[in-house]
Protein backbone atom coordinates (compact mmCIF):
# COMPACT_ATOMS: atom_id res chain seq x y z
CA MET A 1 1.87 0.93 -11.67
CA LYS A 2 5.08 1.07 -9.36
CA ARG A 3 3.04 1.46 -6.08
CA LEU A 4 0.56 -1.35 -7.55
CA LYS A 5 3.53 -3.68 -7.60
CA ARG A 6 4.62 -2.69 -4.20
CA ILE A 7 0.87 -3.28 -2.91
CA LEU A 8 0.98 -6.54 -4.81
CA LEU A 9 4.17 -7.64 -3.10
CA LEU A 10 3.04 -6.46 0.47
CA LEU A 11 -0.21 -8.75 -0.18
CA LEU A 12 1.96 -11.68 -1.32
CA SER A 13 4.13 -11.36 1.71
CA VAL A 14 1.19 -11.33 4.09
CA GLY A 15 -0.13 -14.50 2.19
CA LEU A 16 3.15 -16.19 2.95
CA LEU A 17 3.23 -15.07 6.50
CA VAL A 18 -0.29 -16.52 7.07
CA GLY A 19 0.77 -19.75 5.46
CA CYS A 20 3.84 -20.16 7.25
CA ALA A 21 2.08 -19.38 10.62
CA GLY A 22 -0.36 -22.14 9.89
CA GLU A 23 2.34 -24.58 9.38
CA PHE A 24 4.01 -23.32 12.45
CA GLN A 25 1.17 -23.49 14.66
CA SER A 26 0.31 -27.16 13.20
CA THR A 27 3.92 -28.46 14.46
CA GLU A 28 3.14 -27.60 18.24
CA SER A 29 6.51 -29.33 19.31
CA THR A 30 7.92 -26.35 21.23
CA SER A 31 7.38 -25.19 24.65
CA SER A 32 4.90 -22.95 25.79
CA ALA A 33 7.16 -20.00 26.50
CA THR A 34 8.72 -20.35 23.05
CA ASP A 35 5.10 -20.44 21.42
CA ASP A 36 4.27 -17.16 23.32
CA SER A 37 7.18 -15.47 22.12
CA ALA A 38 6.84 -16.70 18.58
CA ASP A 39 3.25 -15.68 18.61
CA ARG A 40 3.95 -12.17 19.89
CA SER A 41 6.74 -11.93 17.22
CA PHE A 42 4.27 -12.85 14.49
CA ARG A 43 1.57 -10.55 15.77
CA ASP A 44 4.43 -7.35 15.92
CA THR A 45 5.42 -8.50 12.36
CA MET A 46 1.77 -8.48 11.34
CA ASP A 47 1.20 -5.26 13.03
CA ARG A 48 4.18 -3.73 11.33
CA LEU A 49 2.84 -4.91 8.02
CA ASN A 50 -0.43 -3.49 8.42
CA GLU A 51 0.94 -0.31 9.23
CA GLN A 52 3.08 -0.26 6.26
CA MET A 53 0.25 -1.28 3.91
CA ALA A 54 -2.10 1.32 5.47
CA THR A 55 0.85 4.05 5.02
CA ASP A 56 1.57 2.81 1.18
CA ALA A 57 -2.46 2.92 0.70
CA ALA A 58 -2.61 6.59 2.19
CA ASN A 59 0.34 7.55 -0.03
CA ALA A 60 -1.17 6.22 -3.21
CA ALA A 61 -4.32 7.97 -2.56
CA ALA A 62 -2.53 11.24 -1.86
CA GLN A 63 -0.48 10.66 -5.03
CA GLN A 64 -3.62 9.91 -7.14
CA GLN A 65 -5.03 13.06 -5.63
CA PHE A 66 -2.10 15.30 -6.69
CA ASN A 67 -2.22 13.62 -10.03
CA ALA A 68 -5.80 14.59 -10.67
CA ALA A 69 -5.25 18.21 -9.34
CA MET A 70 -2.33 18.39 -11.71
CA ALA A 71 -4.44 17.14 -14.57
CA ALA A 72 -7.38 19.65 -13.72
CA ALA A 73 -4.94 22.43 -13.61
CA GLN A 74 -3.26 21.50 -16.97
CA GLU A 75 -6.73 21.13 -18.39
CA THR A 76 -7.67 24.66 -16.96
CA MET A 77 -4.35 26.20 -18.45
CA ASN A 78 -5.31 24.56 -21.88
CA ASN A 79 -8.73 25.96 -22.05
CA ALA A 80 -7.34 29.34 -21.16
CA ASN A 81 -4.99 29.26 -23.94
CA ASN A 82 -7.58 27.95 -26.37
CA ASP A 83 -9.98 30.87 -25.40
CA ARG A 84 -6.96 33.53 -25.90
CA ALA A 85 -6.16 31.91 -29.15
CA THR A 86 -9.58 31.86 -30.53
CA SER A 87 -10.23 35.30 -29.20
CA ASN A 88 -7.39 36.97 -31.28
CA TRP A 89 -9.13 35.67 -34.72
């Protein structure tokens, strides 16, 4: 649940960045050099955000696989214990 909140916050951030970028581009009142610098900065920010989102998604997938493996191990242990308990009767 905690990871889901982080992912949703990242998606919200991306939405806000895209919205702000649209507003920034629509003003067109700055010089070309400033536009290039701002565009490069925006692309760098988006690249970092995309990289962080990919890392978070990979971590979430790894955590999910780990949880599934732990659940399977627990089920195996429970079944082994149940088999032992019923064979003693």
